[in-house]
Amino acid sequence: MMFFNRKPAVLPDRDNALPGRVAPIPTSQTHFVSGIDFDAECPEGYQQIVLALGCFWGAERIFWQMPGVYLTQVGYAGGHTPHPTYEETCTGQTGHTEVVRVVFDPAQLGLDALLKLFWESHDPTQGMRQGHDVGTQYRSAVYTMADDQTEIVQQSRAAYQAALQAAGAGPITTEIRPLDAFYPAEAYHQQYLAKNPTGYCGIGGTGVTCPMPGAIMTG
């Protein structure tokens, strides 16, 4: 991932984005770790959310190891180009960021706890980069997939912003909005660090604890 770290720091508009393609690019059919079919219907009552926190290799591993997470899948979201490739996304001309689709059981793992893990696992103040990985495809983002997720996400951001400010850090730059489209990444990116345990992982947090937003919601 570090080989593509010198990219534009400004998102393209729709007219200047790469055209992409009509058909999806080839990818894995099942999760390498769990064996679950990516296209299978989610169990009743489960939720989905799409998260971006830098290089998706390390980001995905954080979530598939979390108790209560049913399925993870890496891909591209937040841009304009339909069905982009990794190489296209790395040019900065698709507008997408590297993301992880997370399917979870809210009876085991609340969205607030999932977001706490999200905030603490990266530095959401860095804009169009994450550590040494520079470019629009590494920006922090939360793409919601249910109407009732938005308020919880906003409250978690406010809680973490207060904690960061108290620690002397800057403002959060995380993009938060409903998901437009999720495009699965190529097969070799899926569960990359399970296939390549010594592979590159650029994930790292600020060291600042995020207060559990549930305490705010019920206060």
N, C-alpha and C. Protein backbone atom coordinates (compact mmCIF):
# COMPACT_ATOMS: atom_id res chain seq x y z
N MET A 1 0.81 -1.20 0.00
CA MET A 1 0.00 0.00 0.00
C MET A 1 0.85 1.26 0.00
N MET A 2 2.02 1.20 0.60
CA MET A 2 2.87 2.37 0.70
C MET A 2 3.44 2.79 -0.65
N PHE A 3 3.37 1.91 -1.65
CA PHE A 3 3.94 2.23 -2.94
C PHE A 3 3.09 3.25 -3.70
N PHE A 4 1.89 3.53 -3.22
CA PHE A 4 0.98 4.43 -3.92
C PHE A 4 0.69 5.67 -3.06
N ASN A 5 1.69 6.15 -2.31
CA ASN A 5 1.39 7.15 -1.30
C ASN A 5 1.62 8.59 -1.73
N ARG A 6 1.82 8.85 -2.99
CA ARG A 6 1.98 10.21 -3.47
C ARG A 6 0.87 10.52 -4.47
N LYS A 7 -0.27 10.89 -3.95
CA LYS A 7 -1.45 11.08 -4.77
C LYS A 7 -2.10 12.42 -4.48
N PRO A 8 -3.00 12.90 -5.36
CA PRO A 8 -3.66 14.19 -5.12
C PRO A 8 -4.38 14.21 -3.78
N ALA A 9 -4.37 15.38 -3.15
CA ALA A 9 -5.02 15.53 -1.85
C ALA A 9 -6.39 16.19 -1.99
N VAL A 10 -6.85 16.33 -3.22
CA VAL A 10 -8.15 16.95 -3.49
C VAL A 10 -9.02 15.96 -4.25
N LEU A 11 -10.27 15.82 -3.82
CA LEU A 11 -11.18 14.89 -4.48
C LEU A 11 -11.61 15.41 -5.84
N PRO A 12 -11.71 14.52 -6.84
CA PRO A 12 -12.20 14.94 -8.15
C PRO A 12 -13.72 15.13 -8.12
N ASP A 13 -14.24 15.98 -8.98
CA ASP A 13 -15.69 16.05 -9.10
C ASP A 13 -16.15 14.96 -10.07
N ARG A 14 -17.45 14.79 -10.17
CA ARG A 14 -17.99 13.69 -10.98
C ARG A 14 -17.55 13.78 -12.44
N ASP A 15 -17.50 14.98 -12.99
CA ASP A 15 -17.15 15.15 -14.40
C ASP A 15 -15.70 14.79 -14.69
N ASN A 16 -14.83 14.91 -13.68
CA ASN A 16 -13.41 14.63 -13.89
C ASN A 16 -12.97 13.27 -13.37
N ALA A 17 -13.89 12.51 -12.79
CA ALA A 17 -13.55 11.20 -12.27
C ALA A 17 -13.38 10.19 -13.40
N LEU A 18 -12.64 9.13 -13.13
CA LEU A 18 -12.47 8.07 -14.13
C LEU A 18 -13.81 7.41 -14.43
N PRO A 19 -14.01 6.93 -15.67
CA PRO A 19 -15.33 6.43 -16.07
C PRO A 19 -15.72 5.09 -15.45
N GLY A 20 -14.74 4.27 -15.09
CA GLY A 20 -15.07 2.98 -14.51
C GLY A 20 -15.66 2.02 -15.52
N ARG A 21 -16.61 1.20 -15.06
CA ARG A 21 -17.16 0.16 -15.93
C ARG A 21 -18.56 -0.24 -15.45
N VAL A 22 -19.29 -0.92 -16.27
CA VAL A 22 -20.65 -1.33 -15.95
C VAL A 22 -20.65 -2.59 -15.09
N ALA A 23 -19.78 -3.53 -15.41
CA ALA A 23 -19.76 -4.82 -14.72
C ALA A 23 -18.83 -4.78 -13.51
N PRO A 24 -19.18 -5.50 -12.45
CA PRO A 24 -18.29 -5.59 -11.29
C PRO A 24 -16.95 -6.23 -11.65
N ILE A 25 -15.90 -5.86 -10.94
CA ILE A 25 -14.60 -6.50 -11.16
C ILE A 25 -14.60 -7.85 -10.43
N PRO A 26 -13.77 -8.80 -10.86
CA PRO A 26 -13.71 -10.10 -10.19
C PRO A 26 -13.25 -9.95 -8.74
N THR A 27 -13.83 -10.74 -7.87
CA THR A 27 -13.45 -10.71 -6.45
C THR A 27 -13.73 -12.07 -5.82
N SER A 28 -13.47 -12.19 -4.54
CA SER A 28 -13.73 -13.44 -3.83
C SER A 28 -15.22 -13.66 -3.63
N GLN A 29 -15.62 -14.91 -3.54
CA GLN A 29 -17.01 -15.25 -3.28
C GLN A 29 -17.26 -15.50 -1.80
N THR A 30 -16.23 -15.91 -1.08
CA THR A 30 -16.39 -16.24 0.34
C THR A 30 -15.28 -15.60 1.17
N HIS A 31 -15.56 -15.42 2.46
CA HIS A 31 -14.59 -14.85 3.39
C HIS A 31 -13.51 -15.88 3.67
N PHE A 32 -12.24 -15.48 3.53
CA PHE A 32 -11.12 -16.42 3.66
C PHE A 32 -11.04 -17.01 5.06
N VAL A 33 -11.43 -16.26 6.09
CA VAL A 33 -11.32 -16.71 7.47
C VAL A 33 -12.54 -17.53 7.89
N SER A 34 -13.73 -16.99 7.64
CA SER A 34 -14.95 -17.64 8.13
C SER A 34 -15.62 -18.56 7.13
N GLY A 35 -15.34 -18.35 5.84
CA GLY A 35 -15.99 -19.14 4.79
C GLY A 35 -17.38 -18.67 4.44
N ILE A 36 -17.84 -17.59 5.03
CA ILE A 36 -19.19 -17.08 4.77
C ILE A 36 -19.27 -16.48 3.36
N ASP A 37 -20.36 -16.73 2.67
CA ASP A 37 -20.61 -16.20 1.33
C ASP A 37 -20.86 -14.71 1.42
N PHE A 38 -20.11 -13.93 0.65
CA PHE A 38 -20.27 -12.48 0.68
C PHE A 38 -21.65 -12.04 0.19
N ASP A 39 -22.25 -12.80 -0.69
CA ASP A 39 -23.52 -12.42 -1.27
C ASP A 39 -24.72 -13.00 -0.52
N ALA A 40 -24.47 -13.75 0.51
CA ALA A 40 -25.57 -14.34 1.27
C ALA A 40 -26.34 -13.27 2.02
N GLU A 41 -27.63 -13.50 2.20
CA GLU A 41 -28.46 -12.56 2.94
C GLU A 41 -28.01 -12.51 4.40
N CYS A 42 -27.96 -11.31 4.96
CA CYS A 42 -27.54 -11.16 6.35
C CYS A 42 -28.57 -11.78 7.28
N PRO A 43 -28.13 -12.39 8.37
CA PRO A 43 -29.08 -12.94 9.35
C PRO A 43 -30.04 -11.85 9.85
N GLU A 44 -31.24 -12.25 10.19
CA GLU A 44 -32.25 -11.31 10.65
C GLU A 44 -31.76 -10.55 11.89
N GLY A 45 -31.96 -9.24 11.86
CA GLY A 45 -31.59 -8.40 12.98
C GLY A 45 -30.17 -7.87 12.94
N TYR A 46 -29.34 -8.39 12.04
CA TYR A 46 -27.97 -7.92 11.94
C TYR A 46 -27.93 -6.57 11.22
N GLN A 47 -26.88 -5.80 11.44
CA GLN A 47 -26.72 -4.50 10.81
C GLN A 47 -25.43 -4.46 10.00
N GLN A 48 -25.35 -3.47 9.10
CA GLN A 48 -24.15 -3.24 8.31
C GLN A 48 -23.75 -1.78 8.39
N ILE A 49 -22.46 -1.53 8.29
CA ILE A 49 -21.93 -0.18 8.21
C ILE A 49 -20.62 -0.27 7.44
N VAL A 50 -20.23 0.81 6.79
CA VAL A 50 -19.01 0.83 5.98
C VAL A 50 -18.05 1.86 6.57
N LEU A 51 -16.83 1.43 6.89
CA LEU A 51 -15.88 2.25 7.62
C LEU A 51 -14.56 2.38 6.86
N ALA A 52 -13.97 3.57 6.91
CA ALA A 52 -12.68 3.83 6.27
C ALA A 52 -11.73 4.42 7.30
N LEU A 53 -10.58 3.80 7.48
CA LEU A 53 -9.61 4.27 8.47
C LEU A 53 -8.19 4.02 8.02
N GLY A 54 -7.94 4.28 6.74
CA GLY A 54 -6.62 4.06 6.18
C GLY A 54 -6.57 2.78 5.37
N CYS A 55 -5.37 2.23 5.22
CA CYS A 55 -5.16 1.01 4.44
C CYS A 55 -6.13 -0.08 4.88
N PHE A 56 -6.92 -0.60 3.93
CA PHE A 56 -7.97 -1.54 4.33
C PHE A 56 -7.45 -2.93 4.69
N TRP A 57 -6.18 -3.22 4.44
CA TRP A 57 -5.64 -4.51 4.85
C TRP A 57 -5.68 -4.65 6.38
N GLY A 58 -5.07 -3.69 7.06
CA GLY A 58 -5.04 -3.74 8.52
C GLY A 58 -6.38 -3.42 9.14
N ALA A 59 -7.12 -2.51 8.50
CA ALA A 59 -8.42 -2.12 9.04
C ALA A 59 -9.37 -3.31 9.10
N GLU A 60 -9.37 -4.13 8.05
CA GLU A 60 -10.30 -5.25 8.03
C GLU A 60 -9.98 -6.25 9.15
N ARG A 61 -8.72 -6.51 9.39
CA ARG A 61 -8.35 -7.48 10.43
C ARG A 61 -8.85 -7.04 11.81
N ILE A 62 -8.80 -5.75 12.08
CA ILE A 62 -9.28 -5.23 13.36
C ILE A 62 -10.73 -5.65 13.58
N PHE A 63 -11.54 -5.57 12.54
CA PHE A 63 -12.97 -5.82 12.69
C PHE A 63 -13.33 -7.30 12.64
N TRP A 64 -12.66 -8.10 11.79
CA TRP A 64 -13.05 -9.52 11.76
C TRP A 64 -12.68 -10.22 13.06
N GLN A 65 -11.74 -9.64 13.81
CA GLN A 65 -11.35 -10.24 15.08
C GLN A 65 -12.25 -9.80 16.24
N MET A 66 -13.16 -8.87 16.01
CA MET A 66 -14.01 -8.33 17.07
C MET A 66 -15.19 -9.26 17.32
N PRO A 67 -15.39 -9.73 18.56
CA PRO A 67 -16.56 -10.55 18.87
C PRO A 67 -17.86 -9.81 18.52
N GLY A 68 -18.77 -10.49 17.86
CA GLY A 68 -20.01 -9.88 17.43
C GLY A 68 -20.02 -9.46 15.97
N VAL A 69 -18.83 -9.43 15.35
CA VAL A 69 -18.75 -9.14 13.91
C VAL A 69 -18.96 -10.44 13.15
N TYR A 70 -19.92 -10.44 12.25
CA TYR A 70 -20.30 -11.63 11.49
C TYR A 70 -19.50 -11.75 10.20
N LEU A 71 -19.26 -10.61 9.54
CA LEU A 71 -18.62 -10.64 8.22
C LEU A 71 -17.92 -9.32 7.95
N THR A 72 -16.77 -9.39 7.30
CA THR A 72 -16.09 -8.19 6.80
C THR A 72 -15.76 -8.38 5.33
N GLN A 73 -15.67 -7.27 4.62
CA GLN A 73 -15.31 -7.31 3.20
C GLN A 73 -14.71 -5.96 2.84
N VAL A 74 -13.57 -5.95 2.17
CA VAL A 74 -12.95 -4.68 1.80
C VAL A 74 -13.40 -4.25 0.41
N GLY A 75 -13.36 -2.93 0.21
CA GLY A 75 -13.78 -2.39 -1.07
C GLY A 75 -13.54 -0.90 -1.16
N TYR A 76 -14.30 -0.27 -2.05
CA TYR A 76 -14.14 1.15 -2.33
C TYR A 76 -15.50 1.83 -2.22
N ALA A 77 -15.51 3.05 -1.66
CA ALA A 77 -16.76 3.79 -1.50
C ALA A 77 -16.46 5.28 -1.37
N GLY A 78 -17.50 6.08 -1.52
CA GLY A 78 -17.38 7.51 -1.31
C GLY A 78 -17.01 8.33 -2.52
N GLY A 79 -16.86 7.67 -3.68
CA GLY A 79 -16.45 8.39 -4.88
C GLY A 79 -17.47 8.35 -6.00
N HIS A 80 -16.97 8.49 -7.21
CA HIS A 80 -17.85 8.60 -8.38
C HIS A 80 -17.71 7.44 -9.36
N THR A 81 -16.54 6.84 -9.46
CA THR A 81 -16.26 5.84 -10.49
C THR A 81 -16.95 4.51 -10.17
N PRO A 82 -17.80 4.00 -11.07
CA PRO A 82 -18.45 2.71 -10.81
C PRO A 82 -17.48 1.55 -10.99
N HIS A 83 -17.52 0.62 -10.04
CA HIS A 83 -16.72 -0.61 -10.08
C HIS A 83 -15.24 -0.32 -10.37
N PRO A 84 -14.60 0.48 -9.53
CA PRO A 84 -13.20 0.82 -9.78
C PRO A 84 -12.27 -0.33 -9.46
N THR A 85 -11.09 -0.30 -10.04
CA THR A 85 -10.03 -1.21 -9.66
C THR A 85 -9.17 -0.56 -8.58
N TYR A 86 -8.31 -1.36 -7.97
CA TYR A 86 -7.38 -0.82 -6.98
C TYR A 86 -6.45 0.21 -7.60
N GLU A 87 -5.93 -0.11 -8.78
CA GLU A 87 -5.02 0.80 -9.45
C GLU A 87 -5.70 2.13 -9.77
N GLU A 88 -6.96 2.08 -10.20
CA GLU A 88 -7.69 3.32 -10.48
C GLU A 88 -7.92 4.13 -9.21
N THR A 89 -8.30 3.45 -8.14
CA THR A 89 -8.53 4.14 -6.87
C THR A 89 -7.25 4.81 -6.38
N CYS A 90 -6.12 4.16 -6.58
CA CYS A 90 -4.84 4.70 -6.13
C CYS A 90 -4.40 5.93 -6.90
N THR A 91 -4.98 6.20 -8.06
CA THR A 91 -4.63 7.42 -8.79
C THR A 91 -5.23 8.66 -8.13
N GLY A 92 -6.23 8.47 -7.26
CA GLY A 92 -6.93 9.60 -6.67
C GLY A 92 -7.99 10.18 -7.59
N GLN A 93 -8.24 9.54 -8.73
CA GLN A 93 -9.18 10.08 -9.70
C GLN A 93 -10.53 9.36 -9.71
N THR A 94 -10.79 8.52 -8.73
CA THR A 94 -12.11 7.91 -8.62
C THR A 94 -12.95 8.58 -7.54
N GLY A 95 -12.27 9.21 -6.59
CA GLY A 95 -12.94 9.84 -5.44
C GLY A 95 -13.23 8.87 -4.30
N HIS A 96 -12.91 7.60 -4.49
CA HIS A 96 -13.21 6.60 -3.47
C HIS A 96 -12.15 6.57 -2.38
N THR A 97 -12.53 6.03 -1.24
CA THR A 97 -11.59 5.71 -0.18
C THR A 97 -11.64 4.21 0.08
N GLU A 98 -10.58 3.67 0.64
CA GLU A 98 -10.54 2.24 0.96
C GLU A 98 -11.40 1.99 2.20
N VAL A 99 -12.33 1.06 2.09
CA VAL A 99 -13.30 0.85 3.15
C VAL A 99 -13.42 -0.62 3.53
N VAL A 100 -14.05 -0.83 4.70
CA VAL A 100 -14.40 -2.17 5.16
C VAL A 100 -15.91 -2.21 5.41
N ARG A 101 -16.59 -3.13 4.75
CA ARG A 101 -18.01 -3.38 5.05
C ARG A 101 -18.06 -4.32 6.25
N VAL A 102 -18.75 -3.88 7.29
CA VAL A 102 -18.82 -4.66 8.52
C VAL A 102 -20.27 -5.07 8.78
N VAL A 103 -20.51 -6.37 8.88
CA VAL A 103 -21.81 -6.90 9.24
C VAL A 103 -21.71 -7.41 10.66
N PHE A 104 -22.59 -6.94 11.54
CA PHE A 104 -22.44 -7.28 12.95
C PHE A 104 -23.79 -7.56 13.60
N ASP A 105 -23.72 -8.27 14.70
CA ASP A 105 -24.91 -8.63 15.47
C ASP A 105 -25.05 -7.63 16.62
N PRO A 106 -26.01 -6.71 16.54
CA PRO A 106 -26.14 -5.69 17.60
C PRO A 106 -26.49 -6.26 18.96
N ALA A 107 -26.96 -7.51 19.00
CA ALA A 107 -27.22 -8.15 20.29
C ALA A 107 -25.92 -8.51 21.01
N GLN A 108 -24.85 -8.67 20.25
CA GLN A 108 -23.54 -9.00 20.82
C GLN A 108 -22.60 -7.79 20.84
N LEU A 109 -22.74 -6.93 19.84
CA LEU A 109 -21.84 -5.80 19.67
C LEU A 109 -22.65 -4.57 19.28
N GLY A 110 -22.79 -3.64 20.20
CA GLY A 110 -23.53 -2.42 19.91
C GLY A 110 -22.77 -1.54 18.93
N LEU A 111 -23.50 -0.73 18.18
CA LEU A 111 -22.86 0.17 17.23
C LEU A 111 -21.93 1.14 17.94
N ASP A 112 -22.28 1.56 19.15
CA ASP A 112 -21.41 2.48 19.88
C ASP A 112 -20.05 1.83 20.17
N ALA A 113 -20.05 0.56 20.55
CA ALA A 113 -18.79 -0.14 20.82
C ALA A 113 -17.98 -0.34 19.54
N LEU A 114 -18.67 -0.60 18.44
CA LEU A 114 -17.99 -0.75 17.16
C LEU A 114 -17.34 0.57 16.74
N LEU A 115 -18.05 1.67 16.96
CA LEU A 115 -17.50 2.98 16.62
C LEU A 115 -16.35 3.38 17.53
N LYS A 116 -16.42 2.98 18.78
CA LYS A 116 -15.30 3.22 19.69
C LYS A 116 -14.04 2.57 19.14
N LEU A 117 -14.16 1.32 18.66
CA LEU A 117 -13.03 0.64 18.06
C LEU A 117 -12.55 1.38 16.82
N PHE A 118 -13.48 1.84 16.01
CA PHE A 118 -13.15 2.60 14.80
C PHE A 118 -12.33 3.84 15.13
N TRP A 119 -12.84 4.67 16.04
CA TRP A 119 -12.15 5.93 16.36
C TRP A 119 -10.77 5.68 16.95
N GLU A 120 -10.66 4.70 17.82
CA GLU A 120 -9.39 4.47 18.53
C GLU A 120 -8.34 3.76 17.68
N SER A 121 -8.74 3.22 16.52
CA SER A 121 -7.82 2.44 15.70
C SER A 121 -7.14 3.25 14.61
N HIS A 122 -7.42 4.56 14.54
CA HIS A 122 -6.74 5.40 13.56
C HIS A 122 -6.73 6.84 14.06
N ASP A 123 -6.13 7.72 13.29
CA ASP A 123 -6.12 9.15 13.62
C ASP A 123 -7.08 9.86 12.68
N PRO A 124 -8.27 10.21 13.15
CA PRO A 124 -9.28 10.81 12.27
C PRO A 124 -9.09 12.30 12.02
N THR A 125 -7.95 12.85 12.41
CA THR A 125 -7.69 14.28 12.24
C THR A 125 -6.78 14.57 11.06
N GLN A 126 -6.39 13.57 10.30
CA GLN A 126 -5.31 13.73 9.32
C GLN A 126 -5.76 14.09 7.91
N GLY A 127 -7.04 14.22 7.67
CA GLY A 127 -7.49 14.60 6.33
C GLY A 127 -7.23 13.51 5.31
N MET A 128 -6.59 13.87 4.21
CA MET A 128 -6.40 12.95 3.09
C MET A 128 -5.15 12.10 3.25
N ARG A 129 -5.02 11.49 4.42
CA ARG A 129 -3.89 10.60 4.66
C ARG A 129 -4.16 9.81 5.93
N GLN A 130 -3.32 8.81 6.14
CA GLN A 130 -3.32 8.07 7.40
C GLN A 130 -1.90 7.59 7.61
N GLY A 131 -1.20 8.26 8.54
CA GLY A 131 0.20 7.94 8.76
C GLY A 131 1.02 8.23 7.52
N HIS A 132 1.81 7.23 7.09
CA HIS A 132 2.66 7.40 5.91
C HIS A 132 1.89 7.21 4.60
N ASP A 133 0.66 6.75 4.69
CA ASP A 133 -0.15 6.54 3.49
C ASP A 133 -0.88 7.83 3.15
N VAL A 134 -0.50 8.44 2.04
CA VAL A 134 -1.03 9.75 1.67
C VAL A 134 -1.88 9.64 0.41
N GLY A 135 -3.04 10.28 0.42
CA GLY A 135 -3.92 10.28 -0.74
C GLY A 135 -5.37 10.22 -0.32
N THR A 136 -6.25 10.60 -1.21
CA THR A 136 -7.67 10.64 -0.90
C THR A 136 -8.23 9.27 -0.57
N GLN A 137 -7.60 8.20 -1.05
CA GLN A 137 -8.10 6.85 -0.79
C GLN A 137 -7.82 6.39 0.63
N TYR A 138 -7.11 7.20 1.42
CA TYR A 138 -6.81 6.85 2.81
C TYR A 138 -7.58 7.73 3.80
N ARG A 139 -8.51 8.52 3.33
CA ARG A 139 -9.24 9.41 4.23
C ARG A 139 -10.18 8.61 5.14
N SER A 140 -10.42 9.17 6.31
CA SER A 140 -11.32 8.57 7.29
C SER A 140 -12.76 8.84 6.89
N ALA A 141 -13.62 7.82 7.05
CA ALA A 141 -15.02 7.99 6.67
C ALA A 141 -15.89 6.96 7.37
N VAL A 142 -17.14 7.35 7.58
CA VAL A 142 -18.19 6.43 8.04
C VAL A 142 -19.36 6.58 7.08
N TYR A 143 -19.74 5.49 6.42
CA TYR A 143 -20.88 5.49 5.50
C TYR A 143 -21.97 4.62 6.12
N THR A 144 -23.05 5.26 6.51
CA THR A 144 -24.12 4.57 7.22
C THR A 144 -25.01 3.81 6.25
N MET A 145 -25.66 2.75 6.78
CA MET A 145 -26.54 1.91 5.96
C MET A 145 -27.91 1.73 6.58
N ALA A 146 -28.21 2.56 7.58
CA ALA A 146 -29.53 2.56 8.21
C ALA A 146 -29.78 3.94 8.79
N ASP A 147 -31.02 4.40 8.73
CA ASP A 147 -31.35 5.76 9.17
C ASP A 147 -30.98 5.99 10.62
N ASP A 148 -31.17 4.99 11.48
CA ASP A 148 -30.93 5.20 12.90
C ASP A 148 -29.46 5.13 13.28
N GLN A 149 -28.58 4.88 12.33
CA GLN A 149 -27.15 4.85 12.63
C GLN A 149 -26.55 6.26 12.70
N THR A 150 -27.11 7.18 11.95
CA THR A 150 -26.49 8.50 11.80
C THR A 150 -26.33 9.24 13.12
N GLU A 151 -27.37 9.25 13.95
CA GLU A 151 -27.29 9.98 15.21
C GLU A 151 -26.22 9.38 16.12
N ILE A 152 -26.13 8.06 16.15
CA ILE A 152 -25.12 7.41 16.98
C ILE A 152 -23.72 7.75 16.49
N VAL A 153 -23.53 7.76 15.17
CA VAL A 153 -22.23 8.12 14.61
C VAL A 153 -21.86 9.55 14.97
N GLN A 154 -22.82 10.46 14.81
CA GLN A 154 -22.55 11.87 15.12
C GLN A 154 -22.22 12.06 16.60
N GLN A 155 -22.92 11.35 17.47
CA GLN A 155 -22.64 11.46 18.90
C GLN A 155 -21.28 10.89 19.25
N SER A 156 -20.91 9.81 18.60
CA SER A 156 -19.59 9.23 18.86
C SER A 156 -18.49 10.17 18.39
N ARG A 157 -18.71 10.83 17.26
CA ARG A 157 -17.71 11.80 16.79
C ARG A 157 -17.57 12.96 17.78
N ALA A 158 -18.69 13.47 18.27
CA ALA A 158 -18.64 14.57 19.23
C ALA A 158 -17.91 14.15 20.50
N ALA A 159 -18.17 12.92 20.97
CA ALA A 159 -17.51 12.43 22.17
C ALA A 159 -16.01 12.32 21.97
N TYR A 160 -15.62 11.80 20.80
CA TYR A 160 -14.18 11.63 20.56
C TYR A 160 -13.51 12.97 20.29
N GLN A 161 -14.22 13.88 19.63
CA GLN A 161 -13.66 15.20 19.40
C GLN A 161 -13.33 15.91 20.71
N ALA A 162 -14.23 15.78 21.69
CA ALA A 162 -13.98 16.39 23.00
C ALA A 162 -12.74 15.78 23.66
N ALA A 163 -12.60 14.47 23.54
CA ALA A 163 -11.44 13.80 24.13
C ALA A 163 -10.16 14.20 23.41
N LEU A 164 -10.21 14.30 22.10
CA LEU A 164 -9.04 14.71 21.33
C LEU A 164 -8.64 16.15 21.66
N GLN A 165 -9.63 17.02 21.74
CA GLN A 165 -9.36 18.42 22.06
C GLN A 165 -8.70 18.54 23.43
N ALA A 166 -9.18 17.77 24.38
CA ALA A 166 -8.59 17.80 25.72
C ALA A 166 -7.14 17.33 25.70
N ALA A 167 -6.81 16.48 24.71
CA ALA A 167 -5.45 15.96 24.59
C ALA A 167 -4.57 16.84 23.70
N GLY A 168 -5.14 17.93 23.18
CA GLY A 168 -4.38 18.85 22.36
C GLY A 168 -4.37 18.52 20.88
N ALA A 169 -5.23 17.61 20.44
CA ALA A 169 -5.29 17.23 19.03
C ALA A 169 -6.23 18.16 18.27
N GLY A 170 -6.17 18.06 16.94
CA GLY A 170 -6.97 18.92 16.08
C GLY A 170 -8.36 18.39 15.81
N PRO A 171 -9.09 19.06 14.90
CA PRO A 171 -10.46 18.65 14.60
C PRO A 171 -10.53 17.36 13.78
N ILE A 172 -11.57 16.61 14.00
CA ILE A 172 -11.83 15.40 13.24
C ILE A 172 -12.23 15.77 11.81
N THR A 173 -11.65 15.08 10.84
CA THR A 173 -11.94 15.34 9.42
C THR A 173 -12.75 14.22 8.79
N THR A 174 -13.21 13.28 9.58
CA THR A 174 -13.92 12.10 9.08
C THR A 174 -15.18 12.48 8.30
N GLU A 175 -15.31 11.91 7.13
CA GLU A 175 -16.50 12.09 6.28
C GLU A 175 -17.60 11.17 6.80
N ILE A 176 -18.78 11.73 7.06
CA ILE A 176 -19.90 10.94 7.57
C ILE A 176 -21.12 11.21 6.70
N ARG A 177 -21.64 10.16 6.07
CA ARG A 177 -22.85 10.30 5.26
C ARG A 177 -23.39 8.92 4.89
N PRO A 178 -24.63 8.87 4.41
CA PRO A 178 -25.17 7.58 3.99
C PRO A 178 -24.36 7.00 2.83
N LEU A 179 -24.28 5.69 2.78
CA LEU A 179 -23.55 5.01 1.72
C LEU A 179 -24.27 5.16 0.39
N ASP A 180 -23.54 5.59 -0.63
CA ASP A 180 -24.07 5.62 -1.99
C ASP A 180 -23.93 4.26 -2.66
N ALA A 181 -22.72 3.73 -2.61
CA ALA A 181 -22.44 2.42 -3.22
C ALA A 181 -21.18 1.85 -2.61
N PHE A 182 -21.16 0.54 -2.48
CA PHE A 182 -19.97 -0.18 -2.03
C PHE A 182 -19.52 -1.09 -3.16
N TYR A 183 -18.24 -0.96 -3.55
CA TYR A 183 -17.70 -1.78 -4.62
C TYR A 183 -16.63 -2.70 -4.04
N PRO A 184 -16.86 -4.02 -4.02
CA PRO A 184 -15.87 -4.94 -3.46
C PRO A 184 -14.53 -4.84 -4.18
N ALA A 185 -13.46 -4.95 -3.41
CA ALA A 185 -12.11 -4.93 -3.97
C ALA A 185 -11.75 -6.31 -4.53
N GLU A 186 -10.64 -6.34 -5.23
CA GLU A 186 -10.15 -7.55 -5.86
C GLU A 186 -9.92 -8.67 -4.83
N ALA A 187 -9.91 -9.90 -5.31
CA ALA A 187 -9.81 -11.07 -4.42
C ALA A 187 -8.58 -11.03 -3.54
N TYR A 188 -7.44 -10.57 -4.07
CA TYR A 188 -6.22 -10.65 -3.27
C TYR A 188 -6.22 -9.67 -2.10
N HIS A 189 -7.09 -8.65 -2.14
CA HIS A 189 -7.19 -7.72 -1.02
C HIS A 189 -8.08 -8.26 0.11
N GLN A 190 -8.97 -9.17 -0.20
CA GLN A 190 -9.91 -9.66 0.80
C GLN A 190 -9.16 -10.47 1.87
N GLN A 191 -9.32 -10.05 3.15
CA GLN A 191 -8.68 -10.72 4.27
C GLN A 191 -7.18 -10.89 4.02
N TYR A 192 -6.57 -9.84 3.50
CA TYR A 192 -5.18 -9.88 3.06
C TYR A 192 -4.23 -10.34 4.16
N LEU A 193 -4.41 -9.85 5.37
CA LEU A 193 -3.46 -10.19 6.43
C LEU A 193 -3.70 -11.57 7.03
N ALA A 194 -4.81 -12.21 6.71
CA ALA A 194 -4.98 -13.62 7.05
C ALA A 194 -4.19 -14.48 6.06
N LYS A 195 -4.13 -14.04 4.82
CA LYS A 195 -3.38 -14.75 3.79
C LYS A 195 -1.89 -14.43 3.87
N ASN A 196 -1.57 -13.23 4.34
CA ASN A 196 -0.19 -12.75 4.42
C ASN A 196 0.07 -12.16 5.81
N PRO A 197 0.26 -13.01 6.82
CA PRO A 197 0.33 -12.54 8.21
C PRO A 197 1.42 -11.51 8.48
N THR A 198 2.48 -11.51 7.67
CA THR A 198 3.56 -10.54 7.88
C THR A 198 3.45 -9.36 6.93
N GLY A 199 2.29 -9.22 6.26
CA GLY A 199 2.11 -8.14 5.31
C GLY A 199 2.01 -6.78 5.95
N TYR A 200 2.05 -5.76 5.11
CA TYR A 200 2.03 -4.38 5.58
C TYR A 200 0.72 -4.03 6.28
N CYS A 201 0.84 -3.36 7.42
CA CYS A 201 -0.34 -2.84 8.13
C CYS A 201 0.00 -1.45 8.65
N GLY A 202 -0.65 -0.43 8.11
CA GLY A 202 -0.35 0.95 8.49
C GLY A 202 -1.29 1.50 9.54
N ILE A 203 -2.10 0.66 10.15
CA ILE A 203 -3.10 1.12 11.11
C ILE A 203 -2.45 1.49 12.44
N GLY A 204 -2.87 2.63 12.97
CA GLY A 204 -2.38 3.06 14.28
C GLY A 204 -3.25 4.20 14.80
N GLY A 205 -3.54 4.18 16.07
CA GLY A 205 -4.43 5.18 16.65
C GLY A 205 -3.69 6.37 17.25
N THR A 206 -4.43 7.25 17.90
CA THR A 206 -3.86 8.44 18.52
C THR A 206 -3.40 8.18 19.95
N GLY A 207 -3.86 7.10 20.54
CA GLY A 207 -3.59 6.84 21.94
C GLY A 207 -4.60 7.49 22.87
N VAL A 208 -5.56 8.22 22.29
CA VAL A 208 -6.60 8.88 23.07
C VAL A 208 -7.82 7.97 23.12
N THR A 209 -8.34 7.72 24.31
CA THR A 209 -9.51 6.86 24.49
C THR A 209 -10.78 7.59 24.07
N CYS A 210 -11.64 6.88 23.35
CA CYS A 210 -12.94 7.43 22.98
C CYS A 210 -13.97 7.07 24.05
N PRO A 211 -14.62 8.04 24.67
CA PRO A 211 -15.67 7.74 25.63
C PRO A 211 -16.80 6.95 24.96
N MET A 212 -17.37 6.02 25.66
CA MET A 212 -18.46 5.24 25.07
C MET A 212 -19.64 6.17 24.80
N PRO A 213 -20.05 6.33 23.54
CA PRO A 213 -21.15 7.25 23.24
C PRO A 213 -22.48 6.82 23.85
N GLY A 214 -22.62 5.54 24.20
CA GLY A 214 -23.85 5.10 24.84
C GLY A 214 -24.15 5.85 26.12
N ALA A 215 -23.07 6.25 26.83
CA ALA A 215 -23.25 6.99 28.07
C ALA A 215 -23.87 8.35 27.81
N ILE A 216 -23.52 8.92 26.64
CA ILE A 216 -24.10 10.21 26.28
C ILE A 216 -25.54 10.06 25.85
N MET A 217 -25.81 9.00 25.08
CA MET A 217 -27.14 8.80 24.53
C MET A 217 -28.18 8.57 25.62
N THR A 218 -27.77 7.97 26.72
CA THR A 218 -28.73 7.65 27.76
C THR A 218 -28.69 8.66 28.91
N GLY A 219 -27.78 9.63 28.82
CA GLY A 219 -27.64 10.60 29.91
C GLY A 219 -28.64 11.71 29.85
